[in-house]
């Protein structure tokens, strides 16, 4: 019972802290609105051209491939942690996974999708 009370007290304290910070920011923060604040701004550099210009399809393809391989590599971490407990069955299944991943990598390499020109 004592643990439940301390967790509930901590949760109430966290919520009150968040509400207090929001109230303090709205009461003490600046209220002047300027047109400069509405301009798009990224990475510390003002835009030189319109933000709505067309982007190359190759950029999207590269980002999708990065996400695909990045997420698949993340699946190797649980296997690496449990590799001794999974024995030969785990080795065969991760071998099949890496084979499919490697086949996809060779395919996109042969199609020259990784060349940035």
N, C-alpha and C. Protein backbone atom coordinates (compact mmCIF):
# COMPACT_ATOMS: atom_id res chain seq x y z
N UNK A 1 0.82 -1.19 0.00
CA UNK A 1 0.00 0.00 0.00
C UNK A 1 0.87 1.25 0.00
N UNK A 2 1.98 1.19 0.70
CA UNK A 2 2.85 2.35 0.79
C UNK A 2 3.47 2.69 -0.57
N UNK A 3 3.78 1.67 -1.37
CA UNK A 3 4.33 1.91 -2.70
C UNK A 3 3.30 2.58 -3.61
N UNK A 4 2.06 2.16 -3.50
CA UNK A 4 1.00 2.74 -4.33
C UNK A 4 0.79 4.21 -4.00
N UNK A 5 0.87 4.55 -2.73
CA UNK A 5 0.70 5.95 -2.32
C UNK A 5 1.85 6.80 -2.85
N UNK A 6 3.08 6.29 -2.77
CA UNK A 6 4.22 7.06 -3.25
C UNK A 6 4.18 7.23 -4.77
N UNK A 7 3.74 6.21 -5.50
CA UNK A 7 3.62 6.32 -6.96
C UNK A 7 2.52 7.32 -7.31
N UNK A 8 1.41 7.27 -6.61
CA UNK A 8 0.32 8.22 -6.87
C UNK A 8 0.76 9.65 -6.55
N UNK A 9 1.48 9.82 -5.45
CA UNK A 9 1.98 11.15 -5.09
C UNK A 9 2.96 11.66 -6.14
N UNK A 10 3.82 10.79 -6.63
CA UNK A 10 4.77 11.16 -7.68
C UNK A 10 4.03 11.56 -8.96
N UNK A 11 2.99 10.80 -9.34
CA UNK A 11 2.23 11.12 -10.54
C UNK A 11 1.53 12.47 -10.41
N UNK A 12 0.96 12.73 -9.25
CA UNK A 12 0.30 14.02 -9.02
C UNK A 12 1.33 15.15 -9.09
N UNK A 13 2.50 14.94 -8.51
CA UNK A 13 3.56 15.95 -8.54
C UNK A 13 4.02 16.23 -9.97
N UNK A 14 4.14 15.20 -10.78
CA UNK A 14 4.55 15.37 -12.18
C UNK A 14 3.50 16.16 -12.94
N UNK A 15 2.25 15.82 -12.79
CA UNK A 15 1.17 16.54 -13.49
C UNK A 15 1.12 17.99 -13.04
N UNK A 16 1.21 18.23 -11.75
CA UNK A 16 1.19 19.61 -11.25
C UNK A 16 2.40 20.40 -11.74
N UNK A 17 3.55 19.77 -11.81
CA UNK A 17 4.74 20.45 -12.34
C UNK A 17 4.53 20.84 -13.80
N UNK A 18 4.00 19.94 -14.60
CA UNK A 18 3.73 20.25 -16.00
C UNK A 18 2.73 21.38 -16.17
N UNK A 19 1.66 21.33 -15.40
CA UNK A 19 0.65 22.39 -15.47
C UNK A 19 1.24 23.72 -15.01
N UNK A 20 2.05 23.68 -13.95
CA UNK A 20 2.70 24.89 -13.46
C UNK A 20 3.64 25.51 -14.48
N UNK A 21 4.39 24.68 -15.18
CA UNK A 21 5.30 25.19 -16.21
C UNK A 21 4.53 25.82 -17.36
N UNK A 22 3.45 25.18 -17.79
CA UNK A 22 2.63 25.75 -18.87
C UNK A 22 2.01 27.08 -18.45
N UNK A 23 1.50 27.14 -17.24
CA UNK A 23 0.92 28.40 -16.76
C UNK A 23 1.97 29.50 -16.64
N UNK A 24 3.13 29.16 -16.13
CA UNK A 24 4.19 30.16 -16.00
C UNK A 24 4.64 30.67 -17.36
N UNK A 25 4.74 29.79 -18.35
CA UNK A 25 5.15 30.21 -19.69
C UNK A 25 4.11 31.11 -20.32
N UNK A 26 2.83 30.79 -20.12
CA UNK A 26 1.80 31.62 -20.73
C UNK A 26 1.65 32.97 -20.01
N UNK A 27 1.88 33.01 -18.71
CA UNK A 27 1.75 34.26 -17.97
C UNK A 27 2.99 35.15 -18.09
N UNK A 28 4.17 34.55 -18.10
CA UNK A 28 5.40 35.32 -18.08
C UNK A 28 6.05 35.48 -19.45
N UNK A 29 5.61 34.71 -20.43
CA UNK A 29 6.23 34.75 -21.74
C UNK A 29 5.86 35.98 -22.55
N UNK A 30 6.64 36.27 -23.61
CA UNK A 30 6.34 37.44 -24.44
C UNK A 30 5.06 37.22 -25.23
N UNK A 31 4.35 38.30 -25.49
CA UNK A 31 3.06 38.22 -26.18
C UNK A 31 3.08 38.91 -27.54
N UNK A 32 4.19 39.52 -27.91
CA UNK A 32 4.25 40.22 -29.18
C UNK A 32 4.37 39.23 -30.33
N UNK A 33 3.54 39.42 -31.33
CA UNK A 33 3.60 38.57 -32.51
C UNK A 33 4.17 39.39 -33.66
N UNK A 34 5.19 38.85 -34.30
CA UNK A 34 5.82 39.54 -35.42
C UNK A 34 5.72 38.66 -36.66
N UNK A 35 5.71 39.26 -37.84
CA UNK A 35 5.66 38.45 -39.08
C UNK A 35 6.88 37.55 -39.23
N UNK A 36 8.01 37.94 -38.66
CA UNK A 36 9.23 37.13 -38.79
C UNK A 36 9.05 35.78 -38.11
N UNK A 37 8.25 35.73 -37.05
CA UNK A 37 8.05 34.48 -36.33
C UNK A 37 7.28 33.46 -37.17
N UNK A 38 6.53 33.91 -38.15
CA UNK A 38 5.74 32.99 -38.97
C UNK A 38 6.54 32.45 -40.16
N UNK A 39 7.73 33.00 -40.42
CA UNK A 39 8.54 32.54 -41.56
C UNK A 39 9.10 31.16 -41.28
N UNK A 40 9.20 30.31 -42.31
CA UNK A 40 9.83 29.00 -42.13
C UNK A 40 11.33 29.17 -41.85
N UNK A 41 11.84 28.38 -40.95
CA UNK A 41 13.22 28.50 -40.51
C UNK A 41 13.69 27.11 -40.10
N UNK A 42 14.82 26.70 -40.65
CA UNK A 42 15.28 25.36 -40.34
C UNK A 42 16.80 25.34 -40.25
N UNK A 43 17.32 24.68 -39.27
CA UNK A 43 18.74 24.45 -39.07
C UNK A 43 19.54 25.74 -38.93
N UNK A 44 18.94 26.81 -38.48
CA UNK A 44 19.66 28.04 -38.27
C UNK A 44 19.92 28.85 -39.50
N UNK A 45 19.39 28.43 -40.65
CA UNK A 45 19.63 29.14 -41.90
C UNK A 45 18.28 29.55 -42.49
N UNK A 46 18.10 30.83 -42.81
CA UNK A 46 16.85 31.23 -43.46
C UNK A 46 16.74 30.60 -44.85
N UNK A 47 15.52 30.43 -45.31
CA UNK A 47 15.31 29.82 -46.62
C UNK A 47 15.73 30.78 -47.73
N UNK A 48 16.36 30.23 -48.76
CA UNK A 48 16.75 31.02 -49.93
C UNK A 48 15.72 30.92 -51.05
N UNK A 49 14.90 29.89 -50.99
CA UNK A 49 13.91 29.67 -52.03
C UNK A 49 12.62 29.18 -51.40
N UNK A 50 11.62 28.96 -52.22
CA UNK A 50 10.32 28.53 -51.73
C UNK A 50 10.42 27.14 -51.12
N UNK A 51 9.75 26.93 -50.00
CA UNK A 51 9.79 25.64 -49.31
C UNK A 51 8.93 24.59 -50.01
N UNK A 52 8.14 24.99 -50.98
CA UNK A 52 7.23 24.06 -51.63
C UNK A 52 7.70 23.63 -53.01
N UNK A 53 8.99 23.70 -53.26
CA UNK A 53 9.47 23.25 -54.56
C UNK A 53 9.53 21.72 -54.59
N UNK A 54 9.62 21.19 -55.77
CA UNK A 54 9.62 19.74 -55.92
C UNK A 54 10.93 19.14 -55.44
N UNK A 55 10.83 17.97 -54.85
CA UNK A 55 12.00 17.25 -54.36
C UNK A 55 12.17 16.01 -55.22
N UNK A 56 13.41 15.66 -55.48
CA UNK A 56 13.69 14.51 -56.33
C UNK A 56 13.12 13.22 -55.73
N UNK A 57 12.64 12.35 -56.59
CA UNK A 57 12.11 11.06 -56.15
C UNK A 57 13.23 10.22 -55.56
N UNK A 58 14.43 10.45 -56.03
CA UNK A 58 15.57 9.68 -55.52
C UNK A 58 15.77 9.94 -54.02
N UNK A 59 15.49 11.14 -53.58
CA UNK A 59 15.59 11.46 -52.15
C UNK A 59 14.63 10.60 -51.35
N UNK A 60 13.39 10.49 -51.81
CA UNK A 60 12.39 9.68 -51.10
C UNK A 60 12.78 8.21 -51.13
N UNK A 61 13.27 7.75 -52.26
CA UNK A 61 13.68 6.35 -52.36
C UNK A 61 14.82 6.04 -51.39
N UNK A 62 15.78 6.96 -51.32
CA UNK A 62 16.91 6.75 -50.41
C UNK A 62 16.44 6.75 -48.96
N UNK A 63 15.52 7.62 -48.61
CA UNK A 63 15.05 7.66 -47.23
C UNK A 63 14.25 6.40 -46.89
N UNK A 64 13.46 5.91 -47.81
CA UNK A 64 12.71 4.68 -47.56
C UNK A 64 13.65 3.50 -47.40
N UNK A 65 14.67 3.42 -48.25
CA UNK A 65 15.64 2.34 -48.12
C UNK A 65 16.40 2.43 -46.80
N UNK A 66 16.75 3.64 -46.39
CA UNK A 66 17.43 3.80 -45.11
C UNK A 66 16.55 3.31 -43.97
N UNK A 67 15.29 3.73 -43.97
CA UNK A 67 14.38 3.29 -42.90
C UNK A 67 14.19 1.78 -42.92
N UNK A 68 14.05 1.22 -44.10
CA UNK A 68 13.85 -0.22 -44.22
C UNK A 68 15.02 -0.99 -43.62
N UNK A 69 16.24 -0.66 -44.03
CA UNK A 69 17.39 -1.40 -43.54
C UNK A 69 17.70 -1.05 -42.08
N UNK A 70 17.45 0.18 -41.69
CA UNK A 70 17.70 0.57 -40.31
C UNK A 70 16.78 -0.18 -39.35
N UNK A 71 15.51 -0.28 -39.68
CA UNK A 71 14.56 -0.98 -38.83
C UNK A 71 14.85 -2.47 -38.81
N UNK A 72 15.25 -3.02 -39.94
CA UNK A 72 15.55 -4.45 -39.97
C UNK A 72 16.79 -4.77 -39.14
N UNK A 73 17.76 -3.89 -39.15
CA UNK A 73 18.96 -4.13 -38.35
C UNK A 73 18.64 -4.08 -36.86
N UNK A 74 17.66 -3.28 -36.48
CA UNK A 74 17.27 -3.21 -35.06
C UNK A 74 16.76 -4.57 -34.57
N UNK A 75 16.21 -5.37 -35.47
CA UNK A 75 15.74 -6.69 -35.07
C UNK A 75 16.89 -7.63 -34.70
N UNK A 76 18.11 -7.28 -35.04
CA UNK A 76 19.24 -8.13 -34.68
C UNK A 76 19.63 -8.00 -33.20
N UNK A 77 19.28 -6.89 -32.57
CA UNK A 77 19.65 -6.68 -31.17
C UNK A 77 19.04 -7.72 -30.22
N UNK A 78 17.72 -7.99 -30.27
CA UNK A 78 17.20 -9.02 -29.36
C UNK A 78 17.82 -10.39 -29.62
N UNK A 79 18.10 -10.69 -30.87
CA UNK A 79 18.73 -11.97 -31.17
C UNK A 79 20.14 -12.02 -30.56
N UNK A 80 20.88 -10.93 -30.66
CA UNK A 80 22.24 -10.91 -30.11
C UNK A 80 22.22 -11.08 -28.59
N UNK A 81 21.20 -10.56 -27.94
CA UNK A 81 21.11 -10.69 -26.48
C UNK A 81 20.77 -12.13 -26.09
N UNK A 82 19.91 -12.77 -26.87
CA UNK A 82 19.44 -14.12 -26.53
C UNK A 82 20.05 -15.21 -27.38
N UNK A 83 21.16 -14.95 -28.06
CA UNK A 83 21.67 -15.92 -29.03
C UNK A 83 22.05 -17.26 -28.40
N UNK A 84 22.55 -17.27 -27.19
CA UNK A 84 22.92 -18.55 -26.56
C UNK A 84 21.70 -19.36 -26.13
N UNK A 85 20.63 -18.67 -25.75
CA UNK A 85 19.42 -19.38 -25.32
C UNK A 85 18.62 -19.91 -26.50
N UNK A 86 18.75 -19.28 -27.66
CA UNK A 86 17.98 -19.70 -28.83
C UNK A 86 18.56 -20.92 -29.53
N UNK A 87 19.80 -21.23 -29.28
CA UNK A 87 20.54 -22.37 -29.83
C UNK A 87 20.48 -22.40 -31.36
N UNK A 88 20.39 -23.60 -31.93
CA UNK A 88 20.50 -23.76 -33.39
C UNK A 88 19.26 -23.21 -34.11
N UNK A 89 18.10 -23.30 -33.47
CA UNK A 89 16.88 -22.78 -34.10
C UNK A 89 16.98 -21.25 -34.29
N UNK A 90 17.51 -20.57 -33.29
CA UNK A 90 17.70 -19.13 -33.41
C UNK A 90 18.73 -18.77 -34.46
N UNK A 91 19.78 -19.59 -34.56
CA UNK A 91 20.81 -19.36 -35.57
C UNK A 91 20.27 -19.53 -36.98
N UNK A 92 19.45 -20.55 -37.18
CA UNK A 92 18.86 -20.78 -38.51
C UNK A 92 17.90 -19.66 -38.87
N UNK A 93 17.06 -19.24 -37.93
CA UNK A 93 16.09 -18.19 -38.25
C UNK A 93 16.78 -16.85 -38.50
N UNK A 94 17.81 -16.52 -37.72
CA UNK A 94 18.50 -15.25 -37.98
C UNK A 94 19.33 -15.36 -39.25
N UNK A 95 19.79 -16.54 -39.58
CA UNK A 95 20.49 -16.74 -40.86
C UNK A 95 19.56 -16.49 -42.04
N UNK A 96 18.32 -16.98 -41.95
CA UNK A 96 17.35 -16.72 -43.01
C UNK A 96 17.02 -15.23 -43.09
N UNK A 97 16.90 -14.59 -41.94
CA UNK A 97 16.62 -13.15 -41.91
C UNK A 97 17.74 -12.36 -42.57
N UNK A 98 18.98 -12.68 -42.22
CA UNK A 98 20.13 -11.97 -42.80
C UNK A 98 20.26 -12.29 -44.29
N UNK A 99 19.89 -13.50 -44.69
CA UNK A 99 19.94 -13.85 -46.12
C UNK A 99 18.94 -13.02 -46.91
N UNK A 100 17.74 -12.85 -46.40
CA UNK A 100 16.74 -12.02 -47.09
C UNK A 100 17.20 -10.57 -47.11
N UNK A 101 17.74 -10.10 -46.00
CA UNK A 101 18.25 -8.73 -45.93
C UNK A 101 19.41 -8.53 -46.91
N UNK A 102 20.31 -9.48 -46.96
CA UNK A 102 21.45 -9.39 -47.88
C UNK A 102 21.02 -9.46 -49.33
N UNK A 103 20.03 -10.29 -49.62
CA UNK A 103 19.51 -10.37 -50.99
C UNK A 103 18.91 -9.04 -51.42
N UNK A 104 18.15 -8.42 -50.53
CA UNK A 104 17.60 -7.10 -50.84
C UNK A 104 18.68 -6.07 -51.04
N UNK A 105 19.73 -6.12 -50.23
CA UNK A 105 20.83 -5.18 -50.37
C UNK A 105 21.55 -5.36 -51.70
N UNK A 106 21.82 -6.61 -52.08
CA UNK A 106 22.47 -6.88 -53.36
C UNK A 106 21.58 -6.42 -54.51
N UNK A 107 20.29 -6.62 -54.40
CA UNK A 107 19.35 -6.19 -55.44
C UNK A 107 19.39 -4.68 -55.64
N UNK A 108 19.33 -3.92 -54.54
CA UNK A 108 19.34 -2.47 -54.72
C UNK A 108 20.72 -1.98 -55.15
N UNK A 109 21.77 -2.71 -54.81
CA UNK A 109 23.10 -2.32 -55.26
C UNK A 109 23.22 -2.56 -56.78
N UNK A 110 22.74 -3.70 -57.25
CA UNK A 110 22.80 -4.00 -58.69
C UNK A 110 21.94 -3.04 -59.50
N UNK A 111 20.84 -2.60 -58.96
CA UNK A 111 19.96 -1.64 -59.65
C UNK A 111 20.50 -0.22 -59.57
N UNK A 112 21.62 -0.04 -58.86
CA UNK A 112 22.30 1.25 -58.69
C UNK A 112 21.39 2.29 -58.02
N UNK A 113 20.61 1.83 -57.05
CA UNK A 113 19.73 2.74 -56.33
C UNK A 113 20.45 3.49 -55.23
N UNK A 114 21.66 3.06 -54.88
CA UNK A 114 22.42 3.72 -53.83
C UNK A 114 23.34 4.80 -54.38
N UNK A 115 23.41 4.95 -55.70
CA UNK A 115 24.26 5.98 -56.30
C UNK A 115 23.54 7.33 -56.22
N UNK A 116 24.22 8.30 -55.66
CA UNK A 116 23.64 9.62 -55.53
C UNK A 116 24.26 10.52 -56.58
N UNK A 117 23.50 10.81 -57.62
CA UNK A 117 24.03 11.65 -58.71
C UNK A 117 23.18 12.84 -58.93
